[in-house]
Amino acid sequence: MPLADQLLAVGFVLCIALAAAWAIRRKQGRPFRWPASRKDDQRQLTVLERLPLTGQHTLHLVRVGSNTILVGTHPMGVAFEGAVAANFQDVLVRATREQLAQGGAE
């Protein structure tokens, strides 16, 4: 019977975790769906790509509505590049040229 006791304990812990998740979602005013699916809602903000450059520098390719923007994060804040060209490599080449024109990498 020790196996049955262990399974009962695991089931009890899972029930408590689901109840806590339901209570938190209800308090936030959002409906609780299990499993959490996004098929029915149309998202306006999606992350298309994420490219970590260093431990503290990251590039994010984000679609907002029908526009695609490039977002760079660094320890001092966030930098935005407006509309992204169809070819992501062109954007990276342009950013590299601008950085070299400003005095190179820091």
PDB file of N, CA and C in Angstrom:
ATOM      1  N   MET A   1       0.797  -1.218   0.000  1.00  0.00           N
ATOM      2  CA  MET A   1       0.000   0.000   0.000  1.00  0.00           C
ATOM      3  C   MET A   1       0.835   1.277   0.000  1.00  0.00           C
ATOM      4  N   PRO A   2       2.162   1.215   0.174  1.00  0.00           N
ATOM      5  CA  PRO A   2       2.918   2.462   0.163  1.00  0.00           C
ATOM      6  C   PRO A   2       2.819   3.182  -1.181  1.00  0.00           C
ATOM      7  N   LEU A   3       2.713   2.432  -2.295  1.00  0.00           N
ATOM      8  CA  LEU A   3       2.591   3.071  -3.603  1.00  0.00           C
ATOM      9  C   LEU A   3       1.268   3.830  -3.711  1.00  0.00           C
ATOM     10  N   ALA A   4       0.201   3.245  -3.211  1.00  0.00           N
ATOM     11  CA  ALA A   4      -1.103   3.906  -3.245  1.00  0.00           C
ATOM     12  C   ALA A   4      -1.079   5.176  -2.395  1.00  0.00           C
ATOM     13  N   ASP A   5      -0.401   5.127  -1.258  1.00  0.00           N
ATOM     14  CA  ASP A   5      -0.294   6.321  -0.407  1.00  0.00           C
ATOM     15  C   ASP A   5       0.481   7.430  -1.117  1.00  0.00           C
ATOM     16  N   GLN A   6       1.539   7.054  -1.825  1.00  0.00           N
ATOM     17  CA  GLN A   6       2.335   8.049  -2.546  1.00  0.00           C
ATOM     18  C   GLN A   6       1.540   8.673  -3.690  1.00  0.00           C
ATOM     19  N   LEU A   7       0.804   7.852  -4.433  1.00  0.00           N
ATOM     20  CA  LEU A   7      -0.017   8.366  -5.533  1.00  0.00           C
ATOM     21  C   LEU A   7      -1.118   9.282  -5.005  1.00  0.00           C
ATOM     22  N   LEU A   8      -1.706   8.911  -3.878  1.00  0.00           N
ATOM     23  CA  LEU A   8      -2.733   9.749  -3.270  1.00  0.00           C
ATOM     24  C   LEU A   8      -2.144  11.094  -2.836  1.00  0.00           C
ATOM     25  N   ALA A   9      -0.945  11.090  -2.284  1.00  0.00           N
ATOM     26  CA  ALA A   9      -0.293  12.324  -1.857  1.00  0.00           C
ATOM     27  C   ALA A   9       0.033  13.212  -3.059  1.00  0.00           C
ATOM     28  N   VAL A  10       0.528  12.623  -4.140  1.00  0.00           N
ATOM     29  CA  VAL A  10       0.835  13.399  -5.351  1.00  0.00           C
ATOM     30  C   VAL A  10      -0.448  13.988  -5.933  1.00  0.00           C
ATOM     31  N   GLY A  11      -1.513  13.202  -5.975  1.00  0.00           N
ATOM     32  CA  GLY A  11      -2.791  13.706  -6.478  1.00  0.00           C
ATOM     33  C   GLY A  11      -3.320  14.847  -5.628  1.00  0.00           C
ATOM     34  N   PHE A  12      -3.170  14.737  -4.330  1.00  0.00           N
ATOM     35  CA  PHE A  12      -3.616  15.797  -3.420  1.00  0.00           C
ATOM     36  C   PHE A  12      -2.839  17.097  -3.664  1.00  0.00           C
ATOM     37  N   VAL A  13      -1.526  16.983  -3.837  1.00  0.00           N
ATOM     38  CA  VAL A  13      -0.699  18.167  -4.097  1.00  0.00           C
ATOM     39  C   VAL A  13      -1.074  18.801  -5.432  1.00  0.00           C
ATOM     40  N   LEU A  14      -1.328  17.999  -6.454  1.00  0.00           N
ATOM     41  CA  LEU A  14      -1.748  18.543  -7.750  1.00  0.00           C
ATOM     42  C   LEU A  14      -3.095  19.259  -7.647  1.00  0.00           C
ATOM     43  N   CYS A  15      -4.009  18.708  -6.885  1.00  0.00           N
ATOM     44  CA  CYS A  15      -5.311  19.374  -6.690  1.00  0.00           C
ATOM     45  C   CYS A  15      -5.146  20.714  -5.991  1.00  0.00           C
ATOM     46  N   ILE A  16      -4.275  20.778  -5.008  1.00  0.00           N
ATOM     47  CA  ILE A  16      -4.022  22.047  -4.319  1.00  0.00           C
ATOM     48  C   ILE A  16      -3.401  23.062  -5.273  1.00  0.00           C
ATOM     49  N   ALA A  17      -2.466  22.616  -6.126  1.00  0.00           N
ATOM     50  CA  ALA A  17      -1.831  23.521  -7.077  1.00  0.00           C
ATOM     51  C   ALA A  17      -2.848  24.059  -8.085  1.00  0.00           C
ATOM     52  N   LEU A  18      -3.718  23.211  -8.601  1.00  0.00           N
ATOM     53  CA  LEU A  18      -4.756  23.664  -9.535  1.00  0.00           C
ATOM     54  C   LEU A  18      -5.730  24.626  -8.863  1.00  0.00           C
ATOM     55  N   ALA A  19      -6.094  24.358  -7.632  1.00  0.00           N
ATOM     56  CA  ALA A  19      -6.997  25.257  -6.906  1.00  0.00           C
ATOM     57  C   ALA A  19      -6.339  26.618  -6.690  1.00  0.00           C
ATOM     58  N   ALA A  20      -5.049  26.627  -6.377  1.00  0.00           N
ATOM     59  CA  ALA A  20      -4.343  27.895  -6.196  1.00  0.00           C
ATOM     60  C   ALA A  20      -4.268  28.663  -7.514  1.00  0.00           C
ATOM     61  N   ALA A  21      -3.985  27.971  -8.614  1.00  0.00           N
ATOM     62  CA  ALA A  21      -3.936  28.635  -9.921  1.00  0.00           C
ATOM     63  C   ALA A  21      -5.300  29.201 -10.290  1.00  0.00           C
ATOM     64  N   TRP A  22      -6.355  28.456 -10.031  1.00  0.00           N
ATOM     65  CA  TRP A  22      -7.706  28.938 -10.315  1.00  0.00           C
ATOM     66  C   TRP A  22      -8.016  30.189  -9.489  1.00  0.00           C
ATOM     67  N   ALA A  23      -7.659  30.173  -8.206  1.00  0.00           N
ATOM     68  CA  ALA A  23      -7.940  31.320  -7.331  1.00  0.00           C
ATOM     69  C   ALA A  23      -7.161  32.552  -7.771  1.00  0.00           C
ATOM     70  N   ILE A  24      -5.921  32.376  -8.159  1.00  0.00           N
ATOM     71  CA  ILE A  24      -5.117  33.514  -8.605  1.00  0.00           C
ATOM     72  C   ILE A  24      -5.681  34.095  -9.882  1.00  0.00           C
ATOM     73  N   ARG A  25      -6.010  33.255 -10.853  1.00  0.00           N
ATOM     74  CA  ARG A  25      -6.572  33.744 -12.119  1.00  0.00           C
ATOM     75  C   ARG A  25      -7.921  34.437 -11.885  1.00  0.00           C
ATOM     76  N   ARG A  26      -8.717  33.906 -10.999  1.00  0.00           N
ATOM     77  CA  ARG A  26     -10.023  34.509 -10.720  1.00  0.00           C
ATOM     78  C   ARG A  26      -9.857  35.876 -10.064  1.00  0.00           C
ATOM     79  N   LYS A  27      -8.888  35.984  -9.160  1.00  0.00           N
ATOM     80  CA  LYS A  27      -8.638  37.257  -8.487  1.00  0.00           C
ATOM     81  C   LYS A  27      -8.140  38.307  -9.478  1.00  0.00           C
ATOM     82  N   GLN A  28      -7.386  37.881 -10.504  1.00  0.00           N
ATOM     83  CA  GLN A  28      -6.877  38.802 -11.518  1.00  0.00           C
ATOM     84  C   GLN A  28      -7.950  39.181 -12.529  1.00  0.00           C
ATOM     85  N   GLY A  29      -9.076  38.548 -12.495  1.00  0.00           N
ATOM     86  CA  GLY A  29     -10.171  38.890 -13.408  1.00  0.00           C
ATOM     87  C   GLY A  29     -10.093  38.171 -14.741  1.00  0.00           C
ATOM     88  N   ARG A  30      -9.234  37.177 -14.860  1.00  0.00           N
ATOM     89  CA  ARG A  30      -9.119  36.426 -16.099  1.00  0.00           C
ATOM     90  C   ARG A  30      -9.700  35.035 -15.894  1.00  0.00           C
ATOM     91  N   PRO A  31     -10.353  34.505 -16.908  1.00  0.00           N
ATOM     92  CA  PRO A  31     -10.909  33.157 -16.751  1.00  0.00           C
ATOM     93  C   PRO A  31      -9.800  32.112 -16.715  1.00  0.00           C
ATOM     94  N   PHE A  32     -10.035  31.057 -15.983  1.00  0.00           N
ATOM     95  CA  PHE A  32      -9.070  29.969 -15.888  1.00  0.00           C
ATOM     96  C   PHE A  32      -9.432  28.921 -16.924  1.00  0.00           C
ATOM     97  N   ARG A  33      -8.483  28.612 -17.813  1.00  0.00           N
ATOM     98  CA  ARG A  33      -8.699  27.574 -18.821  1.00  0.00           C
ATOM     99  C   ARG A  33      -7.619  26.522 -18.666  1.00  0.00           C
ATOM    100  N   TRP A  34      -8.041  25.267 -18.678  1.00  0.00           N
ATOM    101  CA  TRP A  34      -7.065  24.196 -18.586  1.00  0.00           C
ATOM    102  C   TRP A  34      -7.233  23.268 -19.760  1.00  0.00           C
ATOM    103  N   PRO A  35      -6.257  23.021 -20.557  1.00  0.00           N
ATOM    104  CA  PRO A  35      -4.968  23.700 -20.590  1.00  0.00           C
ATOM    105  C   PRO A  35      -5.124  25.087 -21.190  1.00  0.00           C
ATOM    106  N   ALA A  36      -4.199  25.949 -20.887  1.00  0.00           N
ATOM    107  CA  ALA A  36      -4.268  27.330 -21.369  1.00  0.00           C
ATOM    108  C   ALA A  36      -4.061  27.332 -22.877  1.00  0.00           C
ATOM    109  N   SER A  37      -5.117  27.635 -23.624  1.00  0.00           N
ATOM    110  CA  SER A  37      -5.018  27.669 -25.083  1.00  0.00           C
ATOM    111  C   SER A  37      -5.314  29.073 -25.567  1.00  0.00           C
ATOM    112  N   ARG A  38      -4.684  29.448 -26.657  1.00  0.00           N
ATOM    113  CA  ARG A  38      -4.850  30.780 -27.238  1.00  0.00           C
ATOM    114  C   ARG A  38      -5.471  30.699 -28.628  1.00  0.00           C
ATOM    115  N   LYS A  39      -6.101  29.570 -28.946  1.00  0.00           N
ATOM    116  CA  LYS A  39      -6.641  29.395 -30.286  1.00  0.00           C
ATOM    117  C   LYS A  39      -7.781  30.359 -30.585  1.00  0.00           C
ATOM    118  N   ASP A  40      -8.579  30.698 -29.581  1.00  0.00           N
ATOM    119  CA  ASP A  40      -9.768  31.495 -29.830  1.00  0.00           C
ATOM    120  C   ASP A  40      -9.522  32.992 -29.801  1.00  0.00           C
ATOM    121  N   ASP A  41      -8.428  33.459 -29.196  1.00  0.00           N
ATOM    122  CA  ASP A  41      -8.201  34.900 -29.163  1.00  0.00           C
ATOM    123  C   ASP A  41      -7.131  35.295 -30.175  1.00  0.00           C
ATOM    124  N   GLN A  42      -7.310  36.452 -30.773  1.00  0.00           N
ATOM    125  CA  GLN A  42      -6.383  36.970 -31.765  1.00  0.00           C
ATOM    126  C   GLN A  42      -5.359  37.836 -31.076  1.00  0.00           C
ATOM    127  N   ARG A  43      -4.118  37.394 -31.034  1.00  0.00           N
ATOM    128  CA  ARG A  43      -3.060  38.135 -30.353  1.00  0.00           C
ATOM    129  C   ARG A  43      -2.558  39.245 -31.272  1.00  0.00           C
ATOM    130  N   GLN A  44      -2.377  40.418 -30.704  1.00  0.00           N
ATOM    131  CA  GLN A  44      -1.861  41.557 -31.452  1.00  0.00           C
ATOM    132  C   GLN A  44      -0.353  41.702 -31.286  1.00  0.00           C
ATOM    133  N   LEU A  45       0.208  41.073 -30.273  1.00  0.00           N
ATOM    134  CA  LEU A  45       1.632  41.183 -29.980  1.00  0.00           C
ATOM    135  C   LEU A  45       2.223  39.784 -29.908  1.00  0.00           C
ATOM    136  N   THR A  46       3.164  39.489 -30.818  1.00  0.00           N
ATOM    137  CA  THR A  46       3.807  38.181 -30.806  1.00  0.00           C
ATOM    138  C   THR A  46       5.309  38.355 -30.960  1.00  0.00           C
ATOM    139  N   VAL A  47       6.062  37.534 -30.270  1.00  0.00           N
ATOM    140  CA  VAL A  47       7.513  37.521 -30.398  1.00  0.00           C
ATOM    141  C   VAL A  47       7.861  36.489 -31.460  1.00  0.00           C
ATOM    142  N   LEU A  48       8.451  36.963 -32.552  1.00  0.00           N
ATOM    143  CA  LEU A  48       8.789  36.070 -33.648  1.00  0.00           C
ATOM    144  C   LEU A  48      10.126  35.383 -33.430  1.00  0.00           C
ATOM    145  N   GLU A  49      11.120  36.138 -32.992  1.00  0.00           N
ATOM    146  CA  GLU A  49      12.458  35.603 -32.774  1.00  0.00           C
ATOM    147  C   GLU A  49      13.071  36.257 -31.551  1.00  0.00           C
ATOM    148  N   ARG A  50      13.991  35.552 -30.919  1.00  0.00           N
ATOM    149  CA  ARG A  50      14.761  36.096 -29.797  1.00  0.00           C
ATOM    150  C   ARG A  50      16.189  35.648 -30.001  1.00  0.00           C
ATOM    151  N   LEU A  51      17.129  36.607 -29.990  1.00  0.00           N
ATOM    152  CA  LEU A  51      18.524  36.294 -30.216  1.00  0.00           C
ATOM    153  C   LEU A  51      19.369  36.865 -29.085  1.00  0.00           C
ATOM    154  N   PRO A  52      19.822  36.014 -28.154  1.00  0.00           N
ATOM    155  CA  PRO A  52      20.702  36.514 -27.090  1.00  0.00           C
ATOM    156  C   PRO A  52      22.085  36.797 -27.674  1.00  0.00           C
ATOM    157  N   LEU A  53      22.572  38.016 -27.470  1.00  0.00           N
ATOM    158  CA  LEU A  53      23.891  38.391 -27.966  1.00  0.00           C
ATOM    159  C   LEU A  53      24.953  38.165 -26.904  1.00  0.00           C
ATOM    160  N   THR A  54      24.700  38.653 -25.703  1.00  0.00           N
ATOM    161  CA  THR A  54      25.554  38.397 -24.550  1.00  0.00           C
ATOM    162  C   THR A  54      24.631  38.075 -23.386  1.00  0.00           C
ATOM    163  N   GLY A  55      25.187  38.010 -22.195  1.00  0.00           N
ATOM    164  CA  GLY A  55      24.357  37.733 -21.032  1.00  0.00           C
ATOM    165  C   GLY A  55      23.360  38.834 -20.738  1.00  0.00           C
ATOM    166  N   GLN A  56      23.652  40.071 -21.181  1.00  0.00           N
ATOM    167  CA  GLN A  56      22.789  41.206 -20.866  1.00  0.00           C
ATOM    168  C   GLN A  56      22.250  41.916 -22.104  1.00  0.00           C
ATOM    169  N   HIS A  57      22.577  41.441 -23.297  1.00  0.00           N
ATOM    170  CA  HIS A  57      22.124  42.074 -24.538  1.00  0.00           C
ATOM    171  C   HIS A  57      21.348  41.057 -25.358  1.00  0.00           C
ATOM    172  N   THR A  58      20.139  41.448 -25.784  1.00  0.00           N
ATOM    173  CA  THR A  58      19.283  40.542 -26.539  1.00  0.00           C
ATOM    174  C   THR A  58      18.539  41.320 -27.613  1.00  0.00           C
ATOM    175  N   LEU A  59      18.366  40.691 -28.779  1.00  0.00           N
ATOM    176  CA  LEU A  59      17.523  41.246 -29.840  1.00  0.00           C
ATOM    177  C   LEU A  59      16.225  40.447 -29.882  1.00  0.00           C
ATOM    178  N   HIS A  60      15.105  41.165 -30.025  1.00  0.00           N
ATOM    179  CA  HIS A  60      13.791  40.546 -30.133  1.00  0.00           C
ATOM    180  C   HIS A  60      13.145  41.050 -31.418  1.00  0.00           C
ATOM    181  N   LEU A  61      12.634  40.156 -32.234  1.00  0.00           N
ATOM    182  CA  LEU A  61      11.859  40.504 -33.408  1.00  0.00           C
ATOM    183  C   LEU A  61      10.395  40.330 -33.026  1.00  0.00           C
ATOM    184  N   VAL A  62       9.631  41.439 -33.009  1.00  0.00           N
ATOM    185  CA  VAL A  62       8.280  41.443 -32.462  1.00  0.00           C
ATOM    186  C   VAL A  62       7.301  41.912 -33.524  1.00  0.00           C
ATOM    187  N   ARG A  63       6.165  41.229 -33.625  1.00  0.00           N
ATOM    188  CA  ARG A  63       5.099  41.669 -34.531  1.00  0.00           C
ATOM    189  C   ARG A  63       4.014  42.329 -33.687  1.00  0.00           C
ATOM    190  N   VAL A  64       3.706  43.579 -34.015  1.00  0.00           N
ATOM    191  CA  VAL A  64       2.650  44.336 -33.351  1.00  0.00           C
ATOM    192  C   VAL A  64       1.599  44.630 -34.419  1.00  0.00           C
ATOM    193  N   GLY A  65       0.480  43.941 -34.347  1.00  0.00           N
ATOM    194  CA  GLY A  65      -0.529  44.084 -35.387  1.00  0.00           C
ATOM    195  C   GLY A  65       0.026  43.553 -36.691  1.00  0.00           C
ATOM    196  N   SER A  66       0.125  44.423 -37.703  1.00  0.00           N
ATOM    197  CA  SER A  66       0.700  44.023 -38.986  1.00  0.00           C
ATOM    198  C   SER A  66       2.124  44.544 -39.157  1.00  0.00           C
ATOM    199  N   ASN A  67       2.665  45.234 -38.151  1.00  0.00           N
ATOM    200  CA  ASN A  67       4.019  45.773 -38.220  1.00  0.00           C
ATOM    201  C   ASN A  67       4.997  44.870 -37.483  1.00  0.00           C
ATOM    202  N   THR A  68       6.217  44.818 -37.993  1.00  0.00           N
ATOM    203  CA  THR A  68       7.277  44.065 -37.340  1.00  0.00           C
ATOM    204  C   THR A  68       8.349  45.044 -36.908  1.00  0.00           C
ATOM    205  N   ILE A  69       8.747  44.968 -35.635  1.00  0.00           N
ATOM    206  CA  ILE A  69       9.768  45.872 -35.121  1.00  0.00           C
ATOM    207  C   ILE A  69      10.882  45.058 -34.469  1.00  0.00           C
ATOM    208  N   LEU A  70      12.058  45.671 -34.423  1.00  0.00           N
ATOM    209  CA  LEU A  70      13.215  45.063 -33.779  1.00  0.00           C
ATOM    210  C   LEU A  70      13.444  45.777 -32.463  1.00  0.00           C
ATOM    211  N   VAL A  71      13.523  45.009 -31.382  1.00  0.00           N
ATOM    212  CA  VAL A  71      13.709  45.564 -30.049  1.00  0.00           C
ATOM    213  C   VAL A  71      15.012  45.012 -29.492  1.00  0.00           C
ATOM    214  N   GLY A  72      15.871  45.907 -29.058  1.00  0.00           N
ATOM    215  CA  GLY A  72      17.123  45.500 -28.426  1.00  0.00           C
ATOM    216  C   GLY A  72      17.084  45.832 -26.955  1.00  0.00           C
ATOM    217  N   THR A  73      17.430  44.883 -26.106  1.00  0.00           N
ATOM    218  CA  THR A  73      17.461  45.129 -24.668  1.00  0.00           C
ATOM    219  C   THR A  73      18.906  45.077 -24.193  1.00  0.00           C
ATOM    220  N   HIS A  74      19.226  45.961 -23.263  1.00  0.00           N
ATOM    221  CA  HIS A  74      20.565  46.049 -22.695  1.00  0.00           C
ATOM    222  C   HIS A  74      20.440  46.539 -21.263  1.00  0.00           C
ATOM    223  N   PRO A  75      21.517  46.521 -20.481  1.00  0.00           N
ATOM    224  CA  PRO A  75      21.412  46.879 -19.065  1.00  0.00           C
ATOM    225  C   PRO A  75      20.907  48.303 -18.820  1.00  0.00           C
ATOM    226  N   MET A  76      21.119  49.210 -19.754  1.00  0.00           N
ATOM    227  CA  MET A  76      20.707  50.595 -19.558  1.00  0.00           C
ATOM    228  C   MET A  76      19.290  50.867 -20.062  1.00  0.00           C
ATOM    229  N   GLY A  77      18.633  49.903 -20.717  1.00  0.00           N
ATOM    230  CA  GLY A  77      17.277  50.140 -21.185  1.00  0.00           C
ATOM    231  C   GLY A  77      16.920  49.312 -22.403  1.00  0.00           C
ATOM    232  N   VAL A  78      16.101  49.921 -23.266  1.00  0.00           N
ATOM    233  CA  VAL A  78      15.571  49.254 -24.448  1.00  0.00           C
ATOM    234  C   VAL A  78      15.764  50.172 -25.640  1.00  0.00           C
ATOM    235  N   ALA A  79      16.080  49.601 -26.799  1.00  0.00           N
ATOM    236  CA  ALA A  79      16.213  50.369 -28.035  1.00  0.00           C
ATOM    237  C   ALA A  79      15.272  49.768 -29.074  1.00  0.00           C
ATOM    238  N   PHE A  80      14.588  50.642 -29.819  1.00  0.00           N
ATOM    239  CA  PHE A  80      13.630  50.197 -30.826  1.00  0.00           C
ATOM    240  C   PHE A  80      14.123  50.558 -32.212  1.00  0.00           C
ATOM    241  N   GLU A  81      13.890  49.677 -33.157  1.00  0.00           N
ATOM    242  CA  GLU A  81      14.114  49.943 -34.575  1.00  0.00           C
ATOM    243  C   GLU A  81      12.734  49.849 -35.194  1.00  0.00           C
ATOM    244  N   GLY A  82      12.269  50.912 -35.840  1.00  0.00           N
ATOM    245  CA  GLY A  82      10.913  50.982 -36.378  1.00  0.00           C
ATOM    246  C   GLY A  82      10.524  49.780 -37.206  1.00  0.00           C
ATOM    247  N   ALA A  83      10.004  50.004 -38.374  1.00  0.00           N
ATOM    248  CA  ALA A  83       9.571  48.921 -39.242  1.00  0.00           C
ATOM    249  C   ALA A  83      10.788  48.137 -39.720  1.00  0.00           C
ATOM    250  N   VAL A  84      10.725  46.853 -39.626  1.00  0.00           N
ATOM    251  CA  VAL A  84      11.842  45.990 -40.007  1.00  0.00           C
ATOM    252  C   VAL A  84      11.678  45.597 -41.460  1.00  0.00           C
ATOM    253  N   ALA A  85      12.784  45.597 -42.167  1.00  0.00           N
ATOM    254  CA  ALA A  85      12.773  45.181 -43.566  1.00  0.00           C
ATOM    255  C   ALA A  85      12.386  43.711 -43.663  1.00  0.00           C
ATOM    256  N   ALA A  86      11.983  43.315 -44.846  1.00  0.00           N
ATOM    257  CA  ALA A  86      11.578  41.931 -45.045  1.00  0.00           C
ATOM    258  C   ALA A  86      12.736  40.978 -44.754  1.00  0.00           C
ATOM    259  N   ASN A  87      13.955  41.427 -45.020  1.00  0.00           N
ATOM    260  CA  ASN A  87      15.117  40.590 -44.788  1.00  0.00           C
ATOM    261  C   ASN A  87      15.779  41.016 -43.485  1.00  0.00           C
ATOM    262  N   PHE A  88      15.759  40.153 -42.486  1.00  0.00           N
ATOM    263  CA  PHE A  88      16.296  40.468 -41.168  1.00  0.00           C
ATOM    264  C   PHE A  88      17.799  40.717 -41.229  1.00  0.00           C
ATOM    265  N   GLN A  89      18.487  40.072 -42.149  1.00  0.00           N
ATOM    266  CA  GLN A  89      19.928  40.256 -42.270  1.00  0.00           C
ATOM    267  C   GLN A  89      20.253  41.686 -42.693  1.00  0.00           C
ATOM    268  N   ASP A  90      19.429  42.301 -43.547  1.00  0.00           N
ATOM    269  CA  ASP A  90      19.650  43.697 -43.944  1.00  0.00           C
ATOM    270  C   ASP A  90      19.615  44.620 -42.733  1.00  0.00           C
ATOM    271  N   VAL A  91      18.719  44.362 -41.813  1.00  0.00           N
ATOM    272  CA  VAL A  91      18.611  45.181 -40.610  1.00  0.00           C
ATOM    273  C   VAL A  91      19.864  45.035 -39.761  1.00  0.00           C
ATOM    274  N   LEU A  92      20.350  43.810 -39.607  1.00  0.00           N
ATOM    275  CA  LEU A  92      21.553  43.596 -38.810  1.00  0.00           C
ATOM    276  C   LEU A  92      22.771  44.259 -39.450  1.00  0.00           C
ATOM    277  N   VAL A  93      22.884  44.206 -40.774  1.00  0.00           N
ATOM    278  CA  VAL A  93      24.009  44.852 -41.466  1.00  0.00           C
ATOM    279  C   VAL A  93      23.939  46.359 -41.270  1.00  0.00           C
ATOM    280  N   ARG A  94      22.743  46.932 -41.385  1.00  0.00           N
ATOM    281  CA  ARG A  94      22.590  48.377 -41.198  1.00  0.00           C
ATOM    282  C   ARG A  94      22.932  48.782 -39.763  1.00  0.00           C
ATOM    283  N   ALA A  95      22.505  47.976 -38.791  1.00  0.00           N
ATOM    284  CA  ALA A  95      22.812  48.290 -37.393  1.00  0.00           C
ATOM    285  C   ALA A  95      24.314  48.207 -37.137  1.00  0.00           C
ATOM    286  N   THR A  96      24.978  47.243 -37.752  1.00  0.00           N
ATOM    287  CA  THR A  96      26.424  47.114 -37.586  1.00  0.00           C
ATOM    288  C   THR A  96      27.140  48.315 -38.188  1.00  0.00           C
ATOM    289  N   ARG A  97      26.710  48.749 -39.359  1.00  0.00           N
ATOM    290  CA  ARG A  97      27.321  49.928 -39.990  1.00  0.00           C
ATOM    291  C   ARG A  97      27.136  51.176 -39.138  1.00  0.00           C
ATOM    292  N   GLU A  98      25.943  51.346 -38.576  1.00  0.00           N
ATOM    293  CA  GLU A  98      25.686  52.508 -37.729  1.00  0.00           C
ATOM    294  C   GLU A  98      26.559  52.474 -36.470  1.00  0.00           C
ATOM    295  N   GLN A  99      26.736  51.284 -35.913  1.00  0.00           N
ATOM    296  CA  GLN A  99      27.553  51.151 -34.712  1.00  0.00           C
ATOM    297  C   GLN A  99      29.013  51.461 -35.036  1.00  0.00           C
ATOM    298  N   LEU A 100      29.502  51.004 -36.179  1.00  0.00           N
ATOM    299  CA  LEU A 100      30.882  51.294 -36.569  1.00  0.00           C
ATOM    300  C   LEU A 100      31.071  52.781 -36.844  1.00  0.00           C
ATOM    301  N   ALA A 101      30.056  53.420 -37.410  1.00  0.00           N
ATOM    302  CA  ALA A 101      30.132  54.852 -37.686  1.00  0.00           C
ATOM    303  C   ALA A 101      30.157  55.671 -36.393  1.00  0.00           C
ATOM    304  N   GLN A 102      29.574  55.134 -35.320  1.00  0.00           N
ATOM    305  CA  GLN A 102      29.535  55.844 -34.045  1.00  0.00           C
ATOM    306  C   GLN A 102      30.778  55.587 -33.202  1.00  0.00           C
ATOM    307  N   GLY A 103      31.694  54.786 -33.682  1.00  0.00           N
ATOM    308  CA  GLY A 103      32.922  54.570 -32.917  1.00  0.00           C
ATOM    309  C   GLY A 103      33.176  53.140 -32.565  1.00  0.00           C
ATOM    310  N   GLY A 104      32.437  52.217 -33.147  1.00  0.00           N
ATOM    311  CA  GLY A 104      32.704  50.803 -32.917  1.00  0.00           C
ATOM    312  C   GLY A 104      31.993  50.239 -31.722  1.00  0.00           C
ATOM    313  N   ALA A 105      32.319  48.995 -31.459  1.00  0.00           N
ATOM    314  CA  ALA A 105      31.678  48.283 -30.342  1.00  0.00           C
ATOM    315  C   ALA A 105      32.240  48.766 -29.024  1.00  0.00           C
ATOM    316  N   GLU A 106      31.395  48.748 -28.001  1.00  0.00           N
ATOM    317  CA  GLU A 106      31.816  49.198 -26.673  1.00  0.00           C
ATOM    318  C   GLU A 106      32.066  48.035 -25.779  1.00  0.00           C
TER     319      GLU A 106
END
